[in-house]
C-alpha atoms as a PDB file:
ATOM      1  CA  MET A   1     116.673  95.588  94.668  1.00  0.00           C
ATOM      2  CA  THR A   2     114.902  94.664  91.447  1.00  0.00           C
ATOM      3  CA  HIS A   3     114.415  96.979  88.491  1.00  0.00           C
ATOM      4  CA  GLU A   4     110.690  97.126  89.355  1.00  0.00           C
ATOM      5  CA  MET A   5     111.498  98.106  92.933  1.00  0.00           C
ATOM      6  CA  LYS A   6     113.804 100.872  91.717  1.00  0.00           C
ATOM      7  CA  THR A   7     111.064 102.117  89.404  1.00  0.00           C
ATOM      8  CA  ASN A   8     108.558 102.147  92.250  1.00  0.00           C
ATOM      9  CA  ARG A   9     111.006 104.031  94.445  1.00  0.00           C
ATOM     10  CA  ARG A  10     111.613 106.686  91.793  1.00  0.00           C
ATOM     11  CA  HIS A  11     107.851 106.962  91.298  1.00  0.00           C
ATOM     12  CA  PHE A  12     107.130 107.544  94.983  1.00  0.00           C
ATOM     13  CA  VAL A  13     110.055 109.922  95.478  1.00  0.00           C
ATOM     14  CA  THR A  14     108.857 112.019  92.531  1.00  0.00           C
ATOM     15  CA  LEU A  15     105.294 112.082  93.816  1.00  0.00           C
ATOM     16  CA  MET A  16     106.422 112.928  97.327  1.00  0.00           C
ATOM     17  CA  ALA A  17     108.346 115.928  96.074  1.00  0.00           C
ATOM     18  CA  ALA A  18     105.361 117.100  94.081  1.00  0.00           C
ATOM     19  CA  GLY A  19     102.936 116.622  96.957  1.00  0.00           C
ATOM     20  CA  SER A  20     104.984 117.909  99.863  1.00  0.00           C
ATOM     21  CA  ALA A  21     103.193 121.256  99.944  1.00  0.00           C
ATOM     22  CA  SER A  22      99.933 119.562 100.927  1.00  0.00           C
ATOM     23  CA  ALA A  23     101.369 117.758 103.939  1.00  0.00           C
ATOM     24  CA  ALA A  24     100.772 120.514 106.500  1.00  0.00           C
ATOM     25  CA  LEU A  25     100.164 119.030 109.928  1.00  0.00           C
ATOM     26  CA  PRO A  26      97.682 120.147 112.570  1.00  0.00           C
ATOM     27  CA  SER A  27      98.573 121.413 116.019  1.00  0.00           C
ATOM     28  CA  LEU A  28      98.870 118.750 118.691  1.00  0.00           C
ATOM     29  CA  ALA A  29      95.514 119.393 120.348  1.00  0.00           C
ATOM     30  CA  GLN A  30      93.079 121.515 118.429  1.00  0.00           C
ATOM     31  CA  ALA A  31      89.680 122.236 119.930  1.00  0.00           C
ATOM     32  CA  GLN A  32      86.596 120.400 118.804  1.00  0.00           C
ATOM     33  CA  SER A  33      85.565 121.898 115.475  1.00  0.00           C
ATOM     34  CA  ALA A  34      82.249 122.419 113.780  1.00  0.00           C
ATOM     35  CA  GLY A  35      81.230 119.930 111.136  1.00  0.00           C
ATOM     36  CA  ASP A  36      79.497 117.084 112.933  1.00  0.00           C
ATOM     37  CA  VAL A  37      78.276 114.408 110.508  1.00  0.00           C
ATOM     38  CA  PRO A  38      75.072 112.334 110.753  1.00  0.00           C
ATOM     39  CA  MET A  39      75.915 108.725 111.541  1.00  0.00           C
ATOM     40  CA  VAL A  40      73.890 107.455 108.586  1.00  0.00           C
ATOM     41  CA  GLN A  41      76.112 109.476 106.265  1.00  0.00           C
ATOM     42  CA  LEU A  42      79.348 108.667 108.094  1.00  0.00           C
ATOM     43  CA  MET A  43      78.674 104.939 108.013  1.00  0.00           C
ATOM     44  CA  GLN A  44      77.879 104.673 104.309  1.00  0.00           C
ATOM     45  CA  PRO A  45      80.178 102.081 102.647  1.00  0.00           C
ATOM     46  CA  SER A  46      83.644 103.415 101.852  1.00  0.00           C
ATOM     47  CA  PRO A  47      85.714 102.688  98.722  1.00  0.00           C
ATOM     48  CA  LEU A  48      87.602 100.262 100.999  1.00  0.00           C
ATOM     49  CA  PRO A  49      85.836  98.089 103.587  1.00  0.00           C
ATOM     50  CA  ASP A  50      86.089  99.271 107.176  1.00  0.00           C
ATOM     51  CA  LEU A  51      88.046  96.961 109.482  1.00  0.00           C
ATOM     52  CA  TRP A  52      86.554  97.456 112.917  1.00  0.00           C
ATOM     53  CA  VAL A  53      88.074  96.922 116.355  1.00  0.00           C
ATOM     54  CA  GLY A  54      85.592  96.287 119.140  1.00  0.00           C
ATOM     55  CA  SER A  55      82.039  95.105 119.593  1.00  0.00           C
ATOM     56  CA  LYS A  56      79.475  95.866 116.904  1.00  0.00           C
ATOM     57  CA  ASP A  57      76.995  96.470 119.740  1.00  0.00           C
ATOM     58  CA  ALA A  58      79.107  99.157 121.431  1.00  0.00           C
ATOM     59  CA  PRO A  59      77.109 102.327 122.200  1.00  0.00           C
ATOM     60  CA  VAL A  60      79.883 104.568 120.887  1.00  0.00           C
ATOM     61  CA  THR A  61      81.462 104.509 117.429  1.00  0.00           C
ATOM     62  CA  MET A  62      84.734 106.291 116.743  1.00  0.00           C
ATOM     63  CA  VAL A  63      86.052 106.837 113.218  1.00  0.00           C
ATOM     64  CA  GLU A  64      89.573 108.189 112.810  1.00  0.00           C
ATOM     65  CA  TYR A  65      91.001 109.666 109.620  1.00  0.00           C
ATOM     66  CA  ALA A  66      94.793 109.488 109.750  1.00  0.00           C
ATOM     67  CA  SER A  67      97.890 109.759 107.607  1.00  0.00           C
ATOM     68  CA  MET A  68     100.711 107.254 108.096  1.00  0.00           C
ATOM     69  CA  THR A  69     103.323 110.042 107.872  1.00  0.00           C
ATOM     70  CA  CYS A  70     101.535 112.369 110.338  1.00  0.00           C
ATOM     71  CA  PRO A  71     103.497 112.727 113.621  1.00  0.00           C
ATOM     72  CA  HIS A  72     100.359 113.650 115.556  1.00  0.00           C
ATOM     73  CA  CYS A  73      98.630 110.499 114.307  1.00  0.00           C
ATOM     74  CA  ALA A  74     101.648 108.506 115.485  1.00  0.00           C
ATOM     75  CA  HIS A  75     101.426 110.261 118.856  1.00  0.00           C
ATOM     76  CA  PHE A  76      97.792 109.226 119.212  1.00  0.00           C
ATOM     77  CA  HIS A  77      98.464 105.597 118.269  1.00  0.00           C
ATOM     78  CA  ASN A  78     101.610 105.299 120.384  1.00  0.00           C
ATOM     79  CA  GLU A  79     100.482 107.192 123.483  1.00  0.00           C
ATOM     80  CA  THR A  80      96.677 107.394 123.649  1.00  0.00           C
ATOM     81  CA  TRP A  81      95.468 104.356 121.704  1.00  0.00           C
ATOM     82  CA  PRO A  82      96.639 101.658 124.196  1.00  0.00           C
ATOM     83  CA  GLU A  83      94.679 103.233 127.068  1.00  0.00           C
ATOM     84  CA  LEU A  84      91.696 104.056 124.844  1.00  0.00           C
ATOM     85  CA  LYS A  85      91.552 100.423 123.780  1.00  0.00           C
ATOM     86  CA  LYS A  86      91.896  99.116 127.330  1.00  0.00           C
ATOM     87  CA  THR A  87      89.347 101.509 128.825  1.00  0.00           C
ATOM     88  CA  TYR A  88      86.691 101.649 126.142  1.00  0.00           C
ATOM     89  CA  ILE A  89      87.161  99.080 123.374  1.00  0.00           C
ATOM     90  CA  ASP A  90      88.084  96.005 125.389  1.00  0.00           C
ATOM     91  CA  THR A  91      85.185  96.732 127.760  1.00  0.00           C
ATOM     92  CA  GLY A  92      82.621  96.841 124.939  1.00  0.00           C
ATOM     93  CA  LYS A  93      81.908 100.567 125.248  1.00  0.00           C
ATOM     94  CA  LEU A  94      83.417 101.729 121.965  1.00  0.00           C
ATOM     95  CA  ARG A  95      83.926 100.439 118.439  1.00  0.00           C
ATOM     96  CA  PHE A  96      86.804 101.959 116.463  1.00  0.00           C
ATOM     97  CA  VAL A  97      87.876 102.130 112.853  1.00  0.00           C
ATOM     98  CA  LEU A  98      90.805 103.876 111.213  1.00  0.00           C
ATOM     99  CA  ARG A  99      90.226 105.199 107.694  1.00  0.00           C
ATOM    100  CA  GLU A 100      92.923 106.240 105.270  1.00  0.00           C
ATOM    101  CA  PHE A 101      93.642 109.942 104.766  1.00  0.00           C
ATOM    102  CA  PRO A 102      97.155 110.010 103.272  1.00  0.00           C
ATOM    103  CA  PHE A 103      98.768 113.418 102.886  1.00  0.00           C
ATOM    104  CA  ASP A 104     101.477 112.148 100.544  1.00  0.00           C
ATOM    105  CA  PRO A 105     102.286 109.115  98.379  1.00  0.00           C
ATOM    106  CA  LEU A 106     104.531 107.595 101.034  1.00  0.00           C
ATOM    107  CA  ALA A 107     101.612 107.545 103.452  1.00  0.00           C
ATOM    108  CA  THR A 108      99.528 105.984 100.689  1.00  0.00           C
ATOM    109  CA  ALA A 109     102.176 103.280 100.292  1.00  0.00           C
ATOM    110  CA  GLY A 110     102.063 102.525 104.020  1.00  0.00           C
ATOM    111  CA  PHE A 111      98.296 102.154 103.949  1.00  0.00           C
ATOM    112  CA  MET A 112      98.451  99.976 100.835  1.00  0.00           C
ATOM    113  CA  LEU A 113     100.924  97.617 102.478  1.00  0.00           C
ATOM    114  CA  ALA A 114      98.789  97.418 105.620  1.00  0.00           C
ATOM    115  CA  ARG A 115      95.836  96.352 103.453  1.00  0.00           C
ATOM    116  CA  CYS A 116      97.959  93.861 101.515  1.00  0.00           C
ATOM    117  CA  ALA A 117      99.053  92.238 104.770  1.00  0.00           C
ATOM    118  CA  GLY A 118      95.494  90.926 105.147  1.00  0.00           C
ATOM    119  CA  ASP A 119      92.501  91.945 107.228  1.00  0.00           C
ATOM    120  CA  ASP A 120      93.776  90.049 110.270  1.00  0.00           C
ATOM    121  CA  LYS A 121      97.175  91.799 110.182  1.00  0.00           C
ATOM    122  CA  ARG A 122      96.183  95.285 109.108  1.00  0.00           C
ATOM    123  CA  GLU A 123      95.904  96.702 112.646  1.00  0.00           C
ATOM    124  CA  ALA A 124      99.270  95.244 113.644  1.00  0.00           C
ATOM    125  CA  VAL A 125     100.972  96.683 110.546  1.00  0.00           C
ATOM    126  CA  VAL A 126      99.465 100.114 111.190  1.00  0.00           C
ATOM    127  CA  GLU A 127     100.691 100.025 114.792  1.00  0.00           C
ATOM    128  CA  LEU A 128     104.159  98.927 113.647  1.00  0.00           C
ATOM    129  CA  LEU A 129     104.450 101.732 111.103  1.00  0.00           C
ATOM    130  CA  PHE A 130     103.296 104.363 113.577  1.00  0.00           C
ATOM    131  CA  SER A 131     105.624 103.089 116.316  1.00  0.00           C
ATOM    132  CA  GLN A 132     108.600 103.155 113.915  1.00  0.00           C
ATOM    133  CA  GLN A 133     107.535 106.231 111.945  1.00  0.00           C
ATOM    134  CA  GLN A 134     110.860 108.034 112.349  1.00  0.00           C
ATOM    135  CA  ALA A 135     112.706 105.020 110.932  1.00  0.00           C
ATOM    136  CA  TRP A 136     110.968 105.160 107.568  1.00  0.00           C
ATOM    137  CA  ALA A 137     108.793 108.248 107.033  1.00  0.00           C
ATOM    138  CA  PHE A 138     111.558 110.703 107.892  1.00  0.00           C
ATOM    139  CA  SER A 139     114.612 108.770 106.737  1.00  0.00           C
ATOM    140  CA  ASP A 140     116.841 109.507 103.737  1.00  0.00           C
ATOM    141  CA  LYS A 141     115.595 106.295 102.102  1.00  0.00           C
ATOM    142  CA  PRO A 142     111.961 106.053 103.196  1.00  0.00           C
ATOM    143  CA  LEU A 143     110.862 103.292 100.855  1.00  0.00           C
ATOM    144  CA  GLU A 144     113.771 101.081 101.897  1.00  0.00           C
ATOM    145  CA  GLY A 145     112.933 101.760 105.540  1.00  0.00           C
ATOM    146  CA  LEU A 146     109.334 100.827 104.835  1.00  0.00           C
ATOM    147  CA  GLN A 147     110.457  97.649 103.092  1.00  0.00           C
ATOM    148  CA  ASN A 148     112.651  96.635 106.050  1.00  0.00           C
ATOM    149  CA  LEU A 149     109.803  97.095 108.518  1.00  0.00           C
ATOM    150  CA  ILE A 150     107.230  95.278 106.423  1.00  0.00           C
ATOM    151  CA  ARG A 151     109.599  92.344 106.071  1.00  0.00           C
ATOM    152  CA  GLN A 152     109.193  91.826 109.835  1.00  0.00           C
ATOM    153  CA  THR A 153     105.513  91.005 109.265  1.00  0.00           C
ATOM    154  CA  GLY A 154     106.414  88.086 107.027  1.00  0.00           C
ATOM    155  CA  MET A 155     105.476  89.786 103.770  1.00  0.00           C
ATOM    156  CA  SER A 156     107.596  88.588 100.871  1.00  0.00           C
ATOM    157  CA  GLN A 157     109.517  90.894  98.557  1.00  0.00           C
ATOM    158  CA  GLN A 158     107.283  89.828  95.691  1.00  0.00           C
ATOM    159  CA  THR A 159     104.120  90.722  97.611  1.00  0.00           C
ATOM    160  CA  PHE A 160     105.651  94.031  98.705  1.00  0.00           C
ATOM    161  CA  GLU A 161     106.407  95.038  95.136  1.00  0.00           C
ATOM    162  CA  SER A 162     103.145  93.794  93.664  1.00  0.00           C
ATOM    163  CA  CYS A 163     101.198  95.616  96.384  1.00  0.00           C
ATOM    164  CA  LEU A 164     102.815  98.945  95.486  1.00  0.00           C
ATOM    165  CA  ARG A 165     101.967  98.336  91.822  1.00  0.00           C
ATOM    166  CA  ASP A 166      98.280  97.736  92.603  1.00  0.00           C
ATOM    167  CA  LYS A 167      96.690 100.744  90.920  1.00  0.00           C
ATOM    168  CA  ALA A 168      93.171  99.813  92.025  1.00  0.00           C
ATOM    169  CA  LEU A 169      94.256  99.732  95.666  1.00  0.00           C
ATOM    170  CA  PHE A 170      96.193 102.990  95.233  1.00  0.00           C
ATOM    171  CA  ASP A 171      93.097 104.645  93.788  1.00  0.00           C
ATOM    172  CA  ASN A 172      90.812 103.269  96.511  1.00  0.00           C
ATOM    173  CA  VAL A 173      93.041 104.468  99.351  1.00  0.00           C
ATOM    174  CA  ASN A 174      92.995 107.942  97.883  1.00  0.00           C
ATOM    175  CA  ALA A 175      89.256 107.691  97.214  1.00  0.00           C
ATOM    176  CA  VAL A 176      88.673 107.182 100.959  1.00  0.00           C
ATOM    177  CA  ARG A 177      90.613 110.394 101.571  1.00  0.00           C
ATOM    178  CA  ASP A 178      88.816 112.314  98.825  1.00  0.00           C
ATOM    179  CA  ARG A 179      85.390 111.281 100.099  1.00  0.00           C
ATOM    180  CA  ALA A 180      86.256 112.383 103.628  1.00  0.00           C
ATOM    181  CA  ALA A 181      87.515 115.727 102.370  1.00  0.00           C
ATOM    182  CA  LYS A 182      84.469 116.345 100.204  1.00  0.00           C
ATOM    183  CA  GLU A 183      81.630 114.939 102.319  1.00  0.00           C
ATOM    184  CA  PHE A 184      82.947 115.337 105.872  1.00  0.00           C
ATOM    185  CA  LYS A 185      85.228 118.380 105.393  1.00  0.00           C
ATOM    186  CA  VAL A 186      88.269 116.593 106.783  1.00  0.00           C
ATOM    187  CA  ASP A 187      91.367 118.708 106.123  1.00  0.00           C
ATOM    188  CA  SER A 188      93.820 117.696 108.853  1.00  0.00           C
ATOM    189  CA  THR A 189      94.925 114.581 110.685  1.00  0.00           C
ATOM    190  CA  PRO A 190      94.059 113.054 112.965  1.00  0.00           C
ATOM    191  CA  THR A 191      90.360 113.856 112.692  1.00  0.00           C
ATOM    192  CA  PHE A 192      87.913 111.823 114.765  1.00  0.00           C
ATOM    193  CA  PHE A 193      84.163 111.375 114.562  1.00  0.00           C
ATOM    194  CA  ILE A 194      82.653 110.127 117.834  1.00  0.00           C
ATOM    195  CA  ASN A 195      79.054 109.129 117.166  1.00  0.00           C
ATOM    196  CA  GLY A 196      79.297 111.700 114.402  1.00  0.00           C
ATOM    197  CA  ARG A 197      80.781 114.459 116.566  1.00  0.00           C
ATOM    198  CA  LYS A 198      83.881 115.888 114.909  1.00  0.00           C
ATOM    199  CA  VAL A 199      87.064 116.312 116.934  1.00  0.00           C
ATOM    200  CA  ASN A 200      90.418 117.427 115.512  1.00  0.00           C
ATOM    201  CA  GLY A 201      93.866 116.712 116.861  1.00  0.00           C
ATOM    202  CA  SER A 202      95.677 114.186 119.031  1.00  0.00           C
ATOM    203  CA  ILE A 203      93.917 115.075 122.261  1.00  0.00           C
ATOM    204  CA  PRO A 204      94.648 113.201 125.514  1.00  0.00           C
ATOM    205  CA  LEU A 205      92.460 110.385 126.797  1.00  0.00           C
ATOM    206  CA  SER A 206      90.975 112.667 129.452  1.00  0.00           C
ATOM    207  CA  GLU A 207      89.525 114.877 126.709  1.00  0.00           C
ATOM    208  CA  PHE A 208      88.180 111.888 124.793  1.00  0.00           C
ATOM    209  CA  ALA A 209      86.571 110.710 128.034  1.00  0.00           C
ATOM    210  CA  LYS A 210      84.586 113.954 128.337  1.00  0.00           C
ATOM    211  CA  ILE A 211      82.932 113.100 125.020  1.00  0.00           C
ATOM    212  CA  ILE A 212      82.697 109.309 125.289  1.00  0.00           C
ATOM    213  CA  ASP A 213      81.501 108.862 128.879  1.00  0.00           C
ATOM    214  CA  PRO A 214      78.174 110.724 128.496  1.00  0.00           C
ATOM    215  CA  LEU A 215      77.462 108.698 125.345  1.00  0.00           C
ATOM    216  CA  VAL A 216      78.142 105.434 127.161  1.00  0.00           C
ATOM    217  CA  LYS A 217      75.757 106.415 129.961  1.00  0.00           C
ATOM    218  CA  ALA A 218      73.027 107.742 127.672  1.00  0.00           C
END
């Protein structure tokens, strides 16, 4: 490990300790909450460009705000996402985007690395980090665990280190979170907006269907 890598690790460990109090997680399936957002406002350009999955002509748009270290976000992406994608996205009914809402600097690091992997690999990196969340986010050496996983994507050590030193990217990831908190009143993860309708928590596909199906048929 280089001196720069050690410095980055100390930096993130220090920040994680300082920010741990803010990382409270939501219950697994909270009820739909008030705070629906007009689509015009929700779809205003973000500090980072949205990377969409699905058809731009889909009748339903789903925006998720997630944290890479949130177990309930991992539950959604590991358990619900595959069927959601098969049922609604692959059939042209729904367009989906994940936006960054990191609760701690380690989550920020995960999002930064997913962006640095390139637009075409970002979704795959996000899925990898969620599927292996226990191996890095809750390990004794989280940054080393993150490094080992990211290496599987073909990212070089140099790119890994330079990505984590990218202050502009760091600031933009957190700016996405801050905008969501201020404008859309997001305060837990995962939070979803389905055609602007706000839904909190990792709810099962059957509950998503109750919201999505009437919008598809409208």
